[in-house]
Amino acid sequence: MLNFIARIISIVFNPLIVLFPIPYLLVYKTTYDIDYSIQWALISYIFMALVAIFVFSGVLMGYFTDFDVSKRQQRSSLFLFSFITTIIYVVMLFLLKGPEVLFVAIGGMILGLVILAIINRRLKASIHVATISAVISAVGLIYGGPFLLAFSLIPLIAWSRVKTKRHTSLEAIVGGIVGTFLTIIIYIVVKKII
């Protein structure tokens, strides 16, 4: 029963699902323009869908063993594809004069991908835990108040990744540290610049 619950938690808190509301929330918080926020959220979803299609296709073709890309050796191609997709997204943001907050968010994602790719050489850090930690940290820092309660989800996601045997405790902890501290550092740097 606990394995089933852990698997459901892992599915519900998949990085792409967790990231889904972020473009809208970030743009809306800085512009308070619903239409503009929806426009940039939809554009962002195209690039998120490309990563999902890449993983889905990789599983169907047998290149990835599962949708979590659980094997460390298989992750380098996911990181490379995500990096290239992100660079194209940044170019599009620049050409279309997109919202500055998305440049900051994408800069953080690129830095996170680089850090996780480096860590991945020795340890398979949990992308699930890194993503939920980054998202909760960002939303908590930006919106404050009751959103800070969401930090309690981080240990739950870490538990689910360990319980489903996708990660060790150390890998889940490293993912949480990377996601949280990277977000806090970017937030502090942006606050000092602005």
C-alpha atoms as a PDB file:
ATOM      1  CA  MET A   1       0.000   0.000   0.000  1.00  0.00           C
ATOM      2  CA  LEU A   2       2.817   2.439   0.867  1.00  0.00           C
ATOM      3  CA  ASN A   3       4.523   1.666  -2.450  1.00  0.00           C
ATOM      4  CA  PHE A   4       1.305   2.521  -4.301  1.00  0.00           C
ATOM      5  CA  ILE A   5       0.958   5.821  -2.412  1.00  0.00           C
ATOM      6  CA  ALA A   6       4.621   6.644  -3.079  1.00  0.00           C
ATOM      7  CA  ARG A   7       4.155   5.934  -6.807  1.00  0.00           C
ATOM      8  CA  ILE A   8       1.074   8.189  -6.975  1.00  0.00           C
ATOM      9  CA  ILE A   9       2.996  10.988  -5.221  1.00  0.00           C
ATOM     10  CA  SER A  10       5.856  10.580  -7.707  1.00  0.00           C
ATOM     11  CA  ILE A  11       3.471  10.813 -10.655  1.00  0.00           C
ATOM     12  CA  VAL A  12       1.537  13.801  -9.307  1.00  0.00           C
ATOM     13  CA  PHE A  13       4.752  15.676  -8.530  1.00  0.00           C
ATOM     14  CA  ASN A  14       6.494  14.907 -11.820  1.00  0.00           C
ATOM     15  CA  PRO A  15       8.776  17.856 -12.688  1.00  0.00           C
ATOM     16  CA  LEU A  16       6.770  18.815 -15.786  1.00  0.00           C
ATOM     17  CA  ILE A  17       3.519  18.830 -13.808  1.00  0.00           C
ATOM     18  CA  VAL A  18       5.101  20.837 -10.986  1.00  0.00           C
ATOM     19  CA  LEU A  19       6.538  23.373 -13.454  1.00  0.00           C
ATOM     20  CA  PHE A  20       3.251  23.765 -15.335  1.00  0.00           C
ATOM     21  CA  PRO A  21       1.799  26.760 -13.396  1.00  0.00           C
ATOM     22  CA  ILE A  22       5.136  28.536 -12.918  1.00  0.00           C
ATOM     23  CA  PRO A  23       5.318  30.594 -16.151  1.00  0.00           C
ATOM     24  CA  TYR A  24       1.849  32.006 -15.508  1.00  0.00           C
ATOM     25  CA  LEU A  25       2.471  32.677 -11.795  1.00  0.00           C
ATOM     26  CA  LEU A  26       5.801  34.416 -12.413  1.00  0.00           C
ATOM     27  CA  VAL A  27       4.565  36.615 -15.270  1.00  0.00           C
ATOM     28  CA  TYR A  28       1.336  37.477 -13.476  1.00  0.00           C
ATOM     29  CA  LYS A  29       3.156  38.388 -10.251  1.00  0.00           C
ATOM     30  CA  THR A  30       5.370  40.870 -12.122  1.00  0.00           C
ATOM     31  CA  THR A  31       2.793  42.302 -14.583  1.00  0.00           C
ATOM     32  CA  TYR A  32      -0.676  41.664 -13.111  1.00  0.00           C
ATOM     33  CA  ASP A  33      -1.796  41.229 -16.734  1.00  0.00           C
ATOM     34  CA  ILE A  34      -3.858  38.047 -17.115  1.00  0.00           C
ATOM     35  CA  ASP A  35      -3.799  37.955 -20.942  1.00  0.00           C
ATOM     36  CA  TYR A  36      -0.044  38.564 -21.145  1.00  0.00           C
ATOM     37  CA  SER A  37       0.542  35.920 -18.464  1.00  0.00           C
ATOM     38  CA  ILE A  38      -1.593  33.362 -20.315  1.00  0.00           C
ATOM     39  CA  GLN A  39       0.175  34.180 -23.613  1.00  0.00           C
ATOM     40  CA  TRP A  40       3.626  33.526 -22.147  1.00  0.00           C
ATOM     41  CA  ALA A  41       2.421  30.492 -20.223  1.00  0.00           C
ATOM     42  CA  LEU A  42       1.143  28.945 -23.474  1.00  0.00           C
ATOM     43  CA  ILE A  43       4.416  29.703 -25.262  1.00  0.00           C
ATOM     44  CA  SER A  44       6.307  28.144 -22.354  1.00  0.00           C
ATOM     45  CA  TYR A  45       4.100  25.039 -22.496  1.00  0.00           C
ATOM     46  CA  ILE A  46       5.217  24.384 -26.072  1.00  0.00           C
ATOM     47  CA  PHE A  47       8.807  24.007 -24.898  1.00  0.00           C
ATOM     48  CA  MET A  48       7.803  21.962 -21.865  1.00  0.00           C
ATOM     49  CA  ALA A  49       5.833  19.679 -24.199  1.00  0.00           C
ATOM     50  CA  LEU A  50       8.951  19.183 -26.348  1.00  0.00           C
ATOM     51  CA  VAL A  51      10.818  17.772 -23.339  1.00  0.00           C
ATOM     52  CA  ALA A  52       7.844  15.538 -22.468  1.00  0.00           C
ATOM     53  CA  ILE A  53       7.671  14.275 -26.070  1.00  0.00           C
ATOM     54  CA  PHE A  54      11.432  13.618 -26.039  1.00  0.00           C
ATOM     55  CA  VAL A  55      11.143  11.479 -22.904  1.00  0.00           C
ATOM     56  CA  PHE A  56       7.989   9.719 -24.110  1.00  0.00           C
ATOM     57  CA  SER A  57       9.595   8.942 -27.492  1.00  0.00           C
ATOM     58  CA  GLY A  58      12.773   7.774 -25.758  1.00  0.00           C
ATOM     59  CA  VAL A  59      10.778   5.306 -23.661  1.00  0.00           C
ATOM     60  CA  LEU A  60       8.834   4.043 -26.696  1.00  0.00           C
ATOM     61  CA  MET A  61      12.047   3.522 -28.683  1.00  0.00           C
ATOM     62  CA  GLY A  62      13.741   1.812 -25.740  1.00  0.00           C
ATOM     63  CA  TYR A  63      16.367   4.523 -25.315  1.00  0.00           C
ATOM     64  CA  PHE A  64      15.060   5.332 -21.818  1.00  0.00           C
ATOM     65  CA  THR A  65      14.022   2.530 -19.488  1.00  0.00           C
ATOM     66  CA  ASP A  66      11.223   4.566 -17.910  1.00  0.00           C
ATOM     67  CA  PHE A  67       9.538   7.999 -17.841  1.00  0.00           C
ATOM     68  CA  ASP A  68      11.635   9.025 -14.834  1.00  0.00           C
ATOM     69  CA  VAL A  69      14.840   8.408 -16.827  1.00  0.00           C
ATOM     70  CA  SER A  70      15.990   6.543 -13.738  1.00  0.00           C
ATOM     71  CA  LYS A  71      19.285   5.245 -15.080  1.00  0.00           C
ATOM     72  CA  ARG A  72      22.064   7.744 -14.516  1.00  0.00           C
ATOM     73  CA  GLN A  73      23.792   6.871 -17.794  1.00  0.00           C
ATOM     74  CA  GLN A  74      20.648   7.809 -19.757  1.00  0.00           C
ATOM     75  CA  ARG A  75      20.271  11.236 -18.198  1.00  0.00           C
ATOM     76  CA  SER A  76      23.014  13.011 -20.145  1.00  0.00           C
ATOM     77  CA  SER A  77      20.921  13.013 -23.329  1.00  0.00           C
ATOM     78  CA  LEU A  78      17.912  14.329 -21.373  1.00  0.00           C
ATOM     79  CA  PHE A  79      20.059  17.115 -19.906  1.00  0.00           C
ATOM     80  CA  LEU A  80      21.476  17.971 -23.342  1.00  0.00           C
ATOM     81  CA  PHE A  81      18.042  18.035 -25.018  1.00  0.00           C
ATOM     82  CA  SER A  82      16.594  20.114 -22.165  1.00  0.00           C
ATOM     83  CA  PHE A  83      19.543  22.506 -22.395  1.00  0.00           C
ATOM     84  CA  ILE A  84      19.158  22.961 -26.166  1.00  0.00           C
ATOM     85  CA  THR A  85      15.389  23.416 -25.856  1.00  0.00           C
ATOM     86  CA  THR A  86      15.947  25.981 -23.115  1.00  0.00           C
ATOM     87  CA  ILE A  87      18.464  27.927 -25.219  1.00  0.00           C
ATOM     88  CA  ILE A  88      15.959  28.072 -28.107  1.00  0.00           C
ATOM     89  CA  TYR A  89      13.319  29.288 -25.636  1.00  0.00           C
ATOM     90  CA  VAL A  90      15.684  32.026 -24.402  1.00  0.00           C
ATOM     91  CA  VAL A  91      16.356  33.152 -27.988  1.00  0.00           C
ATOM     92  CA  MET A  92      12.616  33.313 -28.604  1.00  0.00           C
ATOM     93  CA  LEU A  93      12.101  35.255 -25.372  1.00  0.00           C
ATOM     94  CA  PHE A  94      14.745  37.714 -26.523  1.00  0.00           C
ATOM     95  CA  LEU A  95      13.366  38.107 -30.055  1.00  0.00           C
ATOM     96  CA  LEU A  96       9.780  38.563 -28.823  1.00  0.00           C
ATOM     97  CA  LYS A  97      10.873  40.829 -25.936  1.00  0.00           C
ATOM     98  CA  GLY A  98       9.483  38.443 -23.361  1.00  0.00           C
ATOM     99  CA  PRO A  99       9.039  39.161 -19.663  1.00  0.00           C
ATOM    100  CA  GLU A 100      12.274  39.612 -17.707  1.00  0.00           C
ATOM    101  CA  VAL A 101      11.099  37.269 -14.975  1.00  0.00           C
ATOM    102  CA  LEU A 102      11.131  34.375 -17.452  1.00  0.00           C
ATOM    103  CA  PHE A 103      14.740  35.196 -18.374  1.00  0.00           C
ATOM    104  CA  VAL A 104      15.617  34.885 -14.680  1.00  0.00           C
ATOM    105  CA  ALA A 105      13.669  31.638 -14.322  1.00  0.00           C
ATOM    106  CA  ILE A 106      15.277  30.144 -17.425  1.00  0.00           C
ATOM    107  CA  GLY A 107      18.722  31.273 -16.271  1.00  0.00           C
ATOM    108  CA  GLY A 108      18.064  29.390 -13.046  1.00  0.00           C
ATOM    109  CA  MET A 109      16.932  26.318 -14.976  1.00  0.00           C
ATOM    110  CA  ILE A 110      20.054  26.361 -17.149  1.00  0.00           C
ATOM    111  CA  LEU A 111      22.262  26.702 -14.083  1.00  0.00           C
ATOM    112  CA  GLY A 112      20.308  23.906 -12.394  1.00  0.00           C
ATOM    113  CA  LEU A 113      20.695  21.633 -15.437  1.00  0.00           C
ATOM    114  CA  VAL A 114      24.446  22.272 -15.500  1.00  0.00           C
ATOM    115  CA  ILE A 115      24.792  21.598 -11.759  1.00  0.00           C
ATOM    116  CA  LEU A 116      22.675  18.427 -11.972  1.00  0.00           C
ATOM    117  CA  ALA A 117      24.637  17.223 -15.014  1.00  0.00           C
ATOM    118  CA  ILE A 118      27.892  17.675 -13.073  1.00  0.00           C
ATOM    119  CA  ILE A 119      26.494  15.953  -9.978  1.00  0.00           C
ATOM    120  CA  ASN A 120      25.081  13.197 -12.200  1.00  0.00           C
ATOM    121  CA  ARG A 121      28.626  12.071 -13.016  1.00  0.00           C
ATOM    122  CA  ARG A 122      28.937  10.720  -9.471  1.00  0.00           C
ATOM    123  CA  LEU A 123      25.429  10.609  -8.050  1.00  0.00           C
ATOM    124  CA  LYS A 124      21.945  10.424  -9.551  1.00  0.00           C
ATOM    125  CA  ALA A 125      20.452  13.461  -7.787  1.00  0.00           C
ATOM    126  CA  SER A 126      16.661  13.452  -7.728  1.00  0.00           C
ATOM    127  CA  ILE A 127      15.250  15.778 -10.387  1.00  0.00           C
ATOM    128  CA  HIS A 128      11.805  15.345  -8.810  1.00  0.00           C
ATOM    129  CA  VAL A 129      13.034  16.620  -5.452  1.00  0.00           C
ATOM    130  CA  ALA A 130      15.221  19.334  -7.027  1.00  0.00           C
ATOM    131  CA  THR A 131      12.276  20.638  -9.072  1.00  0.00           C
ATOM    132  CA  ILE A 132       9.745  20.630  -6.239  1.00  0.00           C
ATOM    133  CA  SER A 133      12.303  22.276  -3.941  1.00  0.00           C
ATOM    134  CA  ALA A 134      13.052  24.993  -6.507  1.00  0.00           C
ATOM    135  CA  VAL A 135       9.380  25.645  -7.272  1.00  0.00           C
ATOM    136  CA  ILE A 136       8.309  25.737  -3.634  1.00  0.00           C
ATOM    137  CA  SER A 137      11.259  27.965  -2.742  1.00  0.00           C
ATOM    138  CA  ALA A 138      10.462  30.365  -5.599  1.00  0.00           C
ATOM    139  CA  VAL A 139       6.731  30.533  -4.886  1.00  0.00           C
ATOM    140  CA  GLY A 140       7.376  30.815  -1.142  1.00  0.00           C
ATOM    141  CA  LEU A 141       9.872  33.651  -1.624  1.00  0.00           C
ATOM    142  CA  ILE A 142       7.712  35.525  -4.135  1.00  0.00           C
ATOM    143  CA  TYR A 143       4.257  35.043  -2.620  1.00  0.00           C
ATOM    144  CA  GLY A 144       5.145  34.314   1.029  1.00  0.00           C
ATOM    145  CA  GLY A 145       2.448  33.657   3.614  1.00  0.00           C
ATOM    146  CA  PRO A 146       0.568  30.371   3.310  1.00  0.00           C
ATOM    147  CA  PHE A 147       2.743  29.267   0.392  1.00  0.00           C
ATOM    148  CA  LEU A 148       5.554  28.679   2.881  1.00  0.00           C
ATOM    149  CA  LEU A 149       3.557  25.711   4.182  1.00  0.00           C
ATOM    150  CA  ALA A 150       4.290  23.975   0.876  1.00  0.00           C
ATOM    151  CA  PHE A 151       7.851  23.335   2.129  1.00  0.00           C
ATOM    152  CA  SER A 152       6.373  20.362   3.981  1.00  0.00           C
ATOM    153  CA  LEU A 153       5.884  18.692   0.575  1.00  0.00           C
ATOM    154  CA  ILE A 154       9.634  18.386  -0.018  1.00  0.00           C
ATOM    155  CA  PRO A 155      10.208  15.537   2.484  1.00  0.00           C
ATOM    156  CA  LEU A 156       7.057  13.811   1.163  1.00  0.00           C
ATOM    157  CA  ILE A 157       8.379  13.849  -2.416  1.00  0.00           C
ATOM    158  CA  ALA A 158      11.827  12.725  -1.205  1.00  0.00           C
ATOM    159  CA  TRP A 159      10.205   9.848   0.706  1.00  0.00           C
ATOM    160  CA  SER A 160       8.218   8.796  -2.391  1.00  0.00           C
ATOM    161  CA  ARG A 161      11.348   8.741  -4.574  1.00  0.00           C
ATOM    162  CA  VAL A 162      13.220   6.596  -2.021  1.00  0.00           C
ATOM    163  CA  LYS A 163      10.210   4.345  -1.364  1.00  0.00           C
ATOM    164  CA  THR A 164       9.763   3.635  -5.101  1.00  0.00           C
ATOM    165  CA  LYS A 165      13.497   2.815  -5.236  1.00  0.00           C
ATOM    166  CA  ARG A 166      14.145   5.512  -7.849  1.00  0.00           C
ATOM    167  CA  HIS A 167      16.694   7.180  -5.558  1.00  0.00           C
ATOM    168  CA  THR A 168      18.647   6.675  -2.385  1.00  0.00           C
ATOM    169  CA  SER A 169      18.125   9.004   0.567  1.00  0.00           C
ATOM    170  CA  LEU A 170      21.367  10.806  -0.304  1.00  0.00           C
ATOM    171  CA  GLU A 171      20.232  11.365  -3.919  1.00  0.00           C
ATOM    172  CA  ALA A 172      16.905  12.809  -2.712  1.00  0.00           C
ATOM    173  CA  ILE A 173      18.654  15.082  -0.196  1.00  0.00           C
ATOM    174  CA  VAL A 174      21.127  16.335  -2.812  1.00  0.00           C
ATOM    175  CA  GLY A 175      18.229  17.117  -5.169  1.00  0.00           C
ATOM    176  CA  GLY A 176      16.495  19.077  -2.422  1.00  0.00           C
ATOM    177  CA  ILE A 177      19.634  21.022  -1.557  1.00  0.00           C
ATOM    178  CA  VAL A 178      20.346  21.909  -5.201  1.00  0.00           C
ATOM    179  CA  GLY A 179      16.778  23.058  -5.879  1.00  0.00           C
ATOM    180  CA  THR A 180      16.392  25.081  -2.686  1.00  0.00           C
ATOM    181  CA  PHE A 181      19.773  26.767  -2.518  1.00  0.00           C
ATOM    182  CA  LEU A 182      19.957  27.556  -6.218  1.00  0.00           C
ATOM    183  CA  THR A 183      16.571  29.280  -6.018  1.00  0.00           C
ATOM    184  CA  ILE A 184      17.530  31.234  -2.895  1.00  0.00           C
ATOM    185  CA  ILE A 185      20.826  32.362  -4.437  1.00  0.00           C
ATOM    186  CA  ILE A 186      19.118  33.497  -7.662  1.00  0.00           C
ATOM    187  CA  TYR A 187      16.434  35.310  -5.647  1.00  0.00           C
ATOM    188  CA  ILE A 188      19.062  37.182  -3.581  1.00  0.00           C
ATOM    189  CA  VAL A 189      21.085  38.130  -6.677  1.00  0.00           C
ATOM    190  CA  VAL A 190      17.984  39.379  -8.505  1.00  0.00           C
ATOM    191  CA  LYS A 191      16.854  41.394  -5.456  1.00  0.00           C
ATOM    192  CA  LYS A 192      20.261  43.085  -5.240  1.00  0.00           C
ATOM    193  CA  ILE A 193      20.270  43.909  -8.959  1.00  0.00           C
ATOM    194  CA  ILE A 194      16.714  45.246  -9.106  1.00  0.00           C
END
